[in-house]
Amino acid sequence: MFTRYTQTAIAVLHDIPSGGCLQSANFRQTEEEMSELLHKLETSGLVRRLPEQEEGLLSSYELCRPLHEISVLDVIEATGEPINCKCPTPESFYIAHGRLAQKIGVANHMIRMFLSDVKISEW
């Protein structure tokens, strides 16, 4: 349902307060991609660069608010990435993400249901 870029942004937001444990390393972004992502997160007010720290380094940033207050919608708006709801949520997503996947799966199903009800003749 989420692009790889959105998933990376979520992992980066987890990485920042955890110090050295890099979930985002699994997404293997280049330095340029990481710098661009951090810039988008900073511009949107989700993170801020610490004073006199180098731009583009994960360790140079802190969250602007606690992680539990940052929503998926905040991340989607910050990255400008689309939501891919063109197919049902795969079982592998449920296995990998547990309880979170249930909420995302329901959202995906509801979006698909609402979109199927919008007829192009009404456009």
N, C-alpha and C. Protein backbone atom coordinates (compact mmCIF):
# COMPACT_ATOMS: atom_id res chain seq x y z
N MET A 1 0.82 -1.18 0.00
CA MET A 1 0.00 0.00 0.00
C MET A 1 0.87 1.26 0.00
N PHE A 2 2.01 1.24 0.70
CA PHE A 2 2.89 2.39 0.75
C PHE A 2 4.09 2.17 -0.15
N THR A 3 4.53 3.26 -0.78
CA THR A 3 5.71 3.16 -1.63
C THR A 3 6.93 2.86 -0.78
N ARG A 4 7.96 2.41 -1.44
CA ARG A 4 9.22 2.13 -0.74
C ARG A 4 9.76 3.40 -0.08
N TYR A 5 9.57 4.53 -0.73
CA TYR A 5 10.03 5.82 -0.19
C TYR A 5 9.30 6.15 1.11
N THR A 6 7.98 5.94 1.15
CA THR A 6 7.20 6.17 2.36
C THR A 6 7.64 5.22 3.47
N GLN A 7 7.86 3.96 3.12
CA GLN A 7 8.33 2.99 4.11
C GLN A 7 9.70 3.39 4.65
N THR A 8 10.56 3.91 3.79
CA THR A 8 11.87 4.38 4.22
C THR A 8 11.72 5.55 5.17
N ALA A 9 10.83 6.49 4.85
CA ALA A 9 10.60 7.65 5.72
C ALA A 9 10.14 7.20 7.10
N ILE A 10 9.25 6.23 7.15
CA ILE A 10 8.77 5.70 8.43
C ILE A 10 9.93 5.07 9.21
N ALA A 11 10.75 4.30 8.52
CA ALA A 11 11.91 3.67 9.17
C ALA A 11 12.89 4.72 9.67
N VAL A 12 13.14 5.77 8.88
CA VAL A 12 14.04 6.85 9.29
C VAL A 12 13.51 7.54 10.55
N LEU A 13 12.21 7.78 10.60
CA LEU A 13 11.62 8.41 11.78
C LEU A 13 11.78 7.52 13.01
N HIS A 14 11.78 6.21 12.82
CA HIS A 14 12.07 5.28 13.92
C HIS A 14 13.55 5.32 14.29
N ASP A 15 14.40 5.45 13.28
CA ASP A 15 15.85 5.42 13.50
C ASP A 15 16.36 6.62 14.30
N ILE A 16 15.80 7.78 14.04
CA ILE A 16 16.33 9.02 14.64
C ILE A 16 16.36 8.94 16.17
N PRO A 17 15.27 8.62 16.85
CA PRO A 17 15.35 8.58 18.32
C PRO A 17 16.08 7.35 18.87
N SER A 18 16.23 6.32 18.06
CA SER A 18 16.85 5.09 18.58
C SER A 18 18.37 5.13 18.56
N GLY A 19 18.93 6.17 18.01
CA GLY A 19 20.39 6.31 18.02
C GLY A 19 21.05 5.53 16.92
N GLY A 20 21.61 4.37 17.22
CA GLY A 20 22.41 3.65 16.24
C GLY A 20 21.71 2.53 15.49
N CYS A 21 20.53 2.14 15.92
CA CYS A 21 19.84 1.00 15.30
C CYS A 21 19.12 1.47 14.03
N LEU A 22 19.64 1.07 12.87
CA LEU A 22 19.13 1.60 11.60
C LEU A 22 18.18 0.63 10.90
N GLN A 23 16.89 0.85 11.07
CA GLN A 23 15.90 0.09 10.30
C GLN A 23 15.94 0.51 8.84
N SER A 24 16.23 1.80 8.61
CA SER A 24 16.20 2.33 7.25
C SER A 24 17.33 1.77 6.40
N ALA A 25 18.35 1.17 7.04
CA ALA A 25 19.45 0.57 6.28
C ALA A 25 18.93 -0.54 5.37
N ASN A 26 17.82 -1.14 5.75
CA ASN A 26 17.22 -2.21 4.93
C ASN A 26 16.73 -1.70 3.58
N PHE A 27 16.54 -0.38 3.47
CA PHE A 27 16.02 0.20 2.24
C PHE A 27 17.12 0.70 1.32
N ARG A 28 18.35 0.73 1.78
CA ARG A 28 19.54 1.05 0.98
C ARG A 28 19.39 2.27 0.09
N GLN A 29 19.17 3.40 0.69
CA GLN A 29 19.09 4.64 -0.06
C GLN A 29 20.49 5.26 -0.19
N THR A 30 20.70 5.99 -1.27
CA THR A 30 21.97 6.67 -1.48
C THR A 30 22.05 7.87 -0.52
N GLU A 31 23.23 8.46 -0.41
CA GLU A 31 23.38 9.66 0.42
C GLU A 31 22.48 10.78 -0.08
N GLU A 32 22.40 10.91 -1.40
CA GLU A 32 21.55 11.95 -2.00
C GLU A 32 20.08 11.70 -1.67
N GLU A 33 19.63 10.45 -1.78
CA GLU A 33 18.24 10.12 -1.47
C GLU A 33 17.94 10.37 0.01
N MET A 34 18.88 10.00 0.88
CA MET A 34 18.69 10.22 2.32
C MET A 34 18.63 11.72 2.62
N SER A 35 19.50 12.49 2.00
CA SER A 35 19.51 13.93 2.20
C SER A 35 18.19 14.56 1.75
N GLU A 36 17.70 14.12 0.60
CA GLU A 36 16.43 14.62 0.07
C GLU A 36 15.28 14.27 1.02
N LEU A 37 15.27 13.04 1.51
CA LEU A 37 14.22 12.59 2.42
C LEU A 37 14.26 13.40 3.72
N LEU A 38 15.43 13.57 4.29
CA LEU A 38 15.55 14.34 5.52
C LEU A 38 15.12 15.79 5.30
N HIS A 39 15.43 16.34 4.14
CA HIS A 39 15.00 17.70 3.82
C HIS A 39 13.47 17.79 3.78
N LYS A 40 12.82 16.81 3.17
CA LYS A 40 11.35 16.80 3.12
C LYS A 40 10.75 16.67 4.53
N LEU A 41 11.34 15.80 5.34
CA LEU A 41 10.85 15.61 6.70
C LEU A 41 11.06 16.88 7.54
N GLU A 42 12.17 17.56 7.28
CA GLU A 42 12.46 18.81 8.00
C GLU A 42 11.52 19.93 7.54
N THR A 43 11.31 20.05 6.25
CA THR A 43 10.43 21.08 5.69
C THR A 43 9.00 20.90 6.21
N SER A 44 8.59 19.66 6.39
CA SER A 44 7.23 19.39 6.85
C SER A 44 7.08 19.53 8.36
N GLY A 45 8.18 19.76 9.07
CA GLY A 45 8.12 19.95 10.51
C GLY A 45 8.13 18.67 11.32
N LEU A 46 8.50 17.55 10.70
CA LEU A 46 8.57 16.30 11.45
C LEU A 46 9.91 16.12 12.16
N VAL A 47 10.98 16.65 11.56
CA VAL A 47 12.31 16.58 12.18
C VAL A 47 12.96 17.96 12.11
N ARG A 48 13.99 18.14 12.90
CA ARG A 48 14.79 19.37 12.83
C ARG A 48 16.26 18.98 12.97
N ARG A 49 17.09 19.76 12.27
CA ARG A 49 18.52 19.52 12.35
C ARG A 49 19.05 20.15 13.63
N LEU A 50 19.88 19.41 14.31
CA LEU A 50 20.49 19.92 15.54
C LEU A 50 21.47 21.04 15.19
N PRO A 51 21.63 22.02 16.07
CA PRO A 51 22.54 23.14 15.79
C PRO A 51 23.95 22.67 15.45
N GLU A 52 24.51 23.28 14.44
CA GLU A 52 25.89 23.03 14.01
C GLU A 52 26.16 21.58 13.63
N GLN A 53 25.15 20.90 13.15
CA GLN A 53 25.30 19.52 12.69
C GLN A 53 25.23 19.47 11.17
N GLU A 54 25.85 18.47 10.61
CA GLU A 54 25.93 18.33 9.15
C GLU A 54 24.58 17.89 8.57
N GLU A 55 24.19 18.54 7.50
CA GLU A 55 22.94 18.22 6.81
C GLU A 55 23.07 16.85 6.14
N GLY A 56 21.99 16.06 6.19
CA GLY A 56 21.96 14.79 5.49
C GLY A 56 22.38 13.60 6.31
N LEU A 57 22.95 13.81 7.49
CA LEU A 57 23.33 12.70 8.36
C LEU A 57 22.21 12.44 9.35
N LEU A 58 21.79 11.21 9.46
CA LEU A 58 20.70 10.84 10.34
C LEU A 58 20.95 11.30 11.77
N SER A 59 22.18 11.18 12.23
CA SER A 59 22.52 11.55 13.61
C SER A 59 22.46 13.05 13.86
N SER A 60 22.29 13.84 12.81
CA SER A 60 22.23 15.29 12.95
C SER A 60 20.80 15.80 13.19
N TYR A 61 19.84 14.91 13.29
CA TYR A 61 18.43 15.30 13.38
C TYR A 61 17.78 14.76 14.64
N GLU A 62 16.70 15.43 15.03
CA GLU A 62 15.85 14.95 16.11
C GLU A 62 14.40 15.13 15.67
N LEU A 63 13.51 14.37 16.28
CA LEU A 63 12.09 14.49 15.98
C LEU A 63 11.56 15.78 16.59
N CYS A 64 10.61 16.41 15.92
CA CYS A 64 9.99 17.63 16.43
C CYS A 64 8.91 17.32 17.47
N ARG A 65 8.40 16.12 17.45
CA ARG A 65 7.43 15.67 18.44
C ARG A 65 7.63 14.18 18.64
N PRO A 66 7.08 13.62 19.71
CA PRO A 66 7.30 12.20 19.98
C PRO A 66 6.80 11.32 18.83
N LEU A 67 7.47 10.21 18.64
CA LEU A 67 7.14 9.29 17.55
C LEU A 67 5.67 8.86 17.60
N HIS A 68 5.13 8.64 18.79
CA HIS A 68 3.74 8.19 18.90
C HIS A 68 2.73 9.25 18.47
N GLU A 69 3.18 10.48 18.26
CA GLU A 69 2.29 11.55 17.80
C GLU A 69 2.38 11.78 16.29
N ILE A 70 3.27 11.08 15.62
CA ILE A 70 3.44 11.23 14.17
C ILE A 70 2.61 10.16 13.47
N SER A 71 1.73 10.60 12.58
CA SER A 71 0.84 9.66 11.90
C SER A 71 1.37 9.29 10.51
N VAL A 72 0.79 8.25 9.97
CA VAL A 72 1.12 7.85 8.60
C VAL A 72 0.71 8.97 7.64
N LEU A 73 -0.39 9.64 7.93
CA LEU A 73 -0.82 10.77 7.09
C LEU A 73 0.25 11.86 7.10
N ASP A 74 0.84 12.14 8.26
CA ASP A 74 1.93 13.14 8.33
C ASP A 74 3.06 12.76 7.38
N VAL A 75 3.42 11.49 7.36
CA VAL A 75 4.53 11.01 6.52
C VAL A 75 4.16 11.09 5.05
N ILE A 76 2.95 10.70 4.71
CA ILE A 76 2.51 10.75 3.32
C ILE A 76 2.49 12.19 2.81
N GLU A 77 2.00 13.10 3.64
CA GLU A 77 1.98 14.51 3.25
C GLU A 77 3.40 15.07 3.12
N ALA A 78 4.29 14.65 4.01
CA ALA A 78 5.68 15.14 3.98
C ALA A 78 6.42 14.66 2.74
N THR A 79 6.22 13.41 2.39
CA THR A 79 6.96 12.83 1.25
C THR A 79 6.30 13.13 -0.08
N GLY A 80 4.98 13.39 -0.06
CA GLY A 80 4.26 13.62 -1.31
C GLY A 80 4.07 12.35 -2.12
N GLU A 81 4.23 11.22 -1.47
CA GLU A 81 4.10 9.93 -2.17
C GLU A 81 2.65 9.49 -2.24
N PRO A 82 2.32 8.73 -3.26
CA PRO A 82 0.95 8.22 -3.39
C PRO A 82 0.72 7.00 -2.51
N ILE A 83 -0.55 6.64 -2.38
CA ILE A 83 -0.93 5.40 -1.71
C ILE A 83 -1.32 4.43 -2.82
N ASN A 84 -0.79 3.24 -2.76
CA ASN A 84 -1.09 2.24 -3.77
C ASN A 84 -2.17 1.30 -3.22
N CYS A 85 -3.39 1.52 -3.67
CA CYS A 85 -4.49 0.67 -3.20
C CYS A 85 -5.10 -0.11 -4.37
N LYS A 86 -4.29 -0.35 -5.39
CA LYS A 86 -4.83 -1.01 -6.58
C LYS A 86 -5.02 -2.51 -6.41
N CYS A 87 -4.54 -3.07 -5.30
CA CYS A 87 -4.77 -4.50 -5.06
C CYS A 87 -4.98 -4.71 -3.57
N PRO A 88 -5.64 -5.79 -3.20
CA PRO A 88 -5.83 -6.08 -1.77
C PRO A 88 -4.48 -6.23 -1.06
N THR A 89 -4.49 -5.97 0.24
CA THR A 89 -3.27 -6.08 1.04
C THR A 89 -2.82 -7.53 1.05
N PRO A 90 -1.56 -7.80 0.65
CA PRO A 90 -1.09 -9.19 0.60
C PRO A 90 -0.87 -9.78 1.99
N GLU A 91 -0.99 -11.08 2.08
CA GLU A 91 -0.81 -11.79 3.35
C GLU A 91 0.59 -11.55 3.93
N SER A 92 1.59 -11.43 3.05
CA SER A 92 2.96 -11.21 3.52
C SER A 92 3.07 -9.92 4.33
N PHE A 93 2.27 -8.91 3.99
CA PHE A 93 2.27 -7.65 4.75
C PHE A 93 1.75 -7.89 6.16
N TYR A 94 0.69 -8.71 6.28
CA TYR A 94 0.14 -9.02 7.59
C TYR A 94 1.15 -9.79 8.44
N ILE A 95 1.87 -10.70 7.83
CA ILE A 95 2.88 -11.49 8.54
C ILE A 95 4.02 -10.60 9.03
N ALA A 96 4.46 -9.69 8.18
CA ALA A 96 5.60 -8.84 8.51
C ALA A 96 5.27 -7.73 9.51
N HIS A 97 4.02 -7.27 9.54
CA HIS A 97 3.72 -6.07 10.32
C HIS A 97 2.66 -6.26 11.40
N GLY A 98 2.23 -7.47 11.66
CA GLY A 98 1.34 -7.76 12.78
C GLY A 98 0.11 -6.90 12.89
N ARG A 99 -0.11 -6.35 14.11
CA ARG A 99 -1.33 -5.58 14.39
C ARG A 99 -1.45 -4.32 13.54
N LEU A 100 -0.33 -3.69 13.24
CA LEU A 100 -0.36 -2.50 12.39
C LEU A 100 -0.98 -2.84 11.03
N ALA A 101 -0.65 -4.01 10.52
CA ALA A 101 -1.15 -4.42 9.21
C ALA A 101 -2.67 -4.51 9.19
N GLN A 102 -3.27 -4.84 10.31
CA GLN A 102 -4.72 -4.91 10.36
C GLN A 102 -5.34 -3.54 10.08
N LYS A 103 -4.79 -2.49 10.70
CA LYS A 103 -5.31 -1.14 10.45
C LYS A 103 -5.08 -0.73 9.01
N ILE A 104 -3.88 -0.99 8.51
CA ILE A 104 -3.55 -0.61 7.13
C ILE A 104 -4.40 -1.41 6.15
N GLY A 105 -4.59 -2.69 6.44
CA GLY A 105 -5.42 -3.53 5.58
C GLY A 105 -6.86 -3.03 5.51
N VAL A 106 -7.41 -2.61 6.64
CA VAL A 106 -8.76 -2.07 6.68
C VAL A 106 -8.83 -0.77 5.89
N ALA A 107 -7.82 0.11 6.08
CA ALA A 107 -7.78 1.37 5.33
C ALA A 107 -7.72 1.10 3.83
N ASN A 108 -6.88 0.16 3.42
CA ASN A 108 -6.75 -0.19 2.01
C ASN A 108 -8.09 -0.70 1.47
N HIS A 109 -8.74 -1.56 2.23
CA HIS A 109 -10.03 -2.12 1.82
C HIS A 109 -11.08 -1.01 1.69
N MET A 110 -11.11 -0.10 2.67
CA MET A 110 -12.10 0.98 2.64
C MET A 110 -11.86 1.93 1.47
N ILE A 111 -10.61 2.26 1.20
CA ILE A 111 -10.30 3.13 0.06
C ILE A 111 -10.76 2.46 -1.23
N ARG A 112 -10.46 1.17 -1.37
CA ARG A 112 -10.88 0.43 -2.58
C ARG A 112 -12.40 0.43 -2.70
N MET A 113 -13.08 0.23 -1.57
CA MET A 113 -14.53 0.18 -1.59
C MET A 113 -15.12 1.55 -1.98
N PHE A 114 -14.61 2.62 -1.38
CA PHE A 114 -15.11 3.95 -1.72
C PHE A 114 -14.83 4.31 -3.17
N LEU A 115 -13.64 3.99 -3.65
CA LEU A 115 -13.30 4.31 -5.04
C LEU A 115 -14.16 3.51 -6.02
N SER A 116 -14.51 2.29 -5.67
CA SER A 116 -15.34 1.49 -6.57
C SER A 116 -16.76 2.05 -6.65
N ASP A 117 -17.15 2.83 -5.65
CA ASP A 117 -18.47 3.43 -5.63
C ASP A 117 -18.54 4.76 -6.38
N VAL A 118 -17.39 5.36 -6.70
CA VAL A 118 -17.36 6.61 -7.44
C VAL A 118 -17.36 6.27 -8.93
N LYS A 119 -18.46 6.55 -9.59
CA LYS A 119 -18.61 6.21 -11.01
C LYS A 119 -18.10 7.37 -11.87
N ILE A 120 -17.42 7.02 -12.94
CA ILE A 120 -16.85 8.05 -13.78
C ILE A 120 -17.94 8.89 -14.46
N SER A 121 -19.14 8.39 -14.52
CA SER A 121 -20.23 9.18 -15.09
C SER A 121 -20.59 10.36 -14.18
N GLU A 122 -20.19 10.30 -12.91
CA GLU A 122 -20.45 11.38 -11.96
C GLU A 122 -19.33 12.42 -11.98
N TRP A 123 -18.29 12.17 -12.70
CA TRP A 123 -17.09 13.01 -12.68
C TRP A 123 -17.36 14.39 -13.21
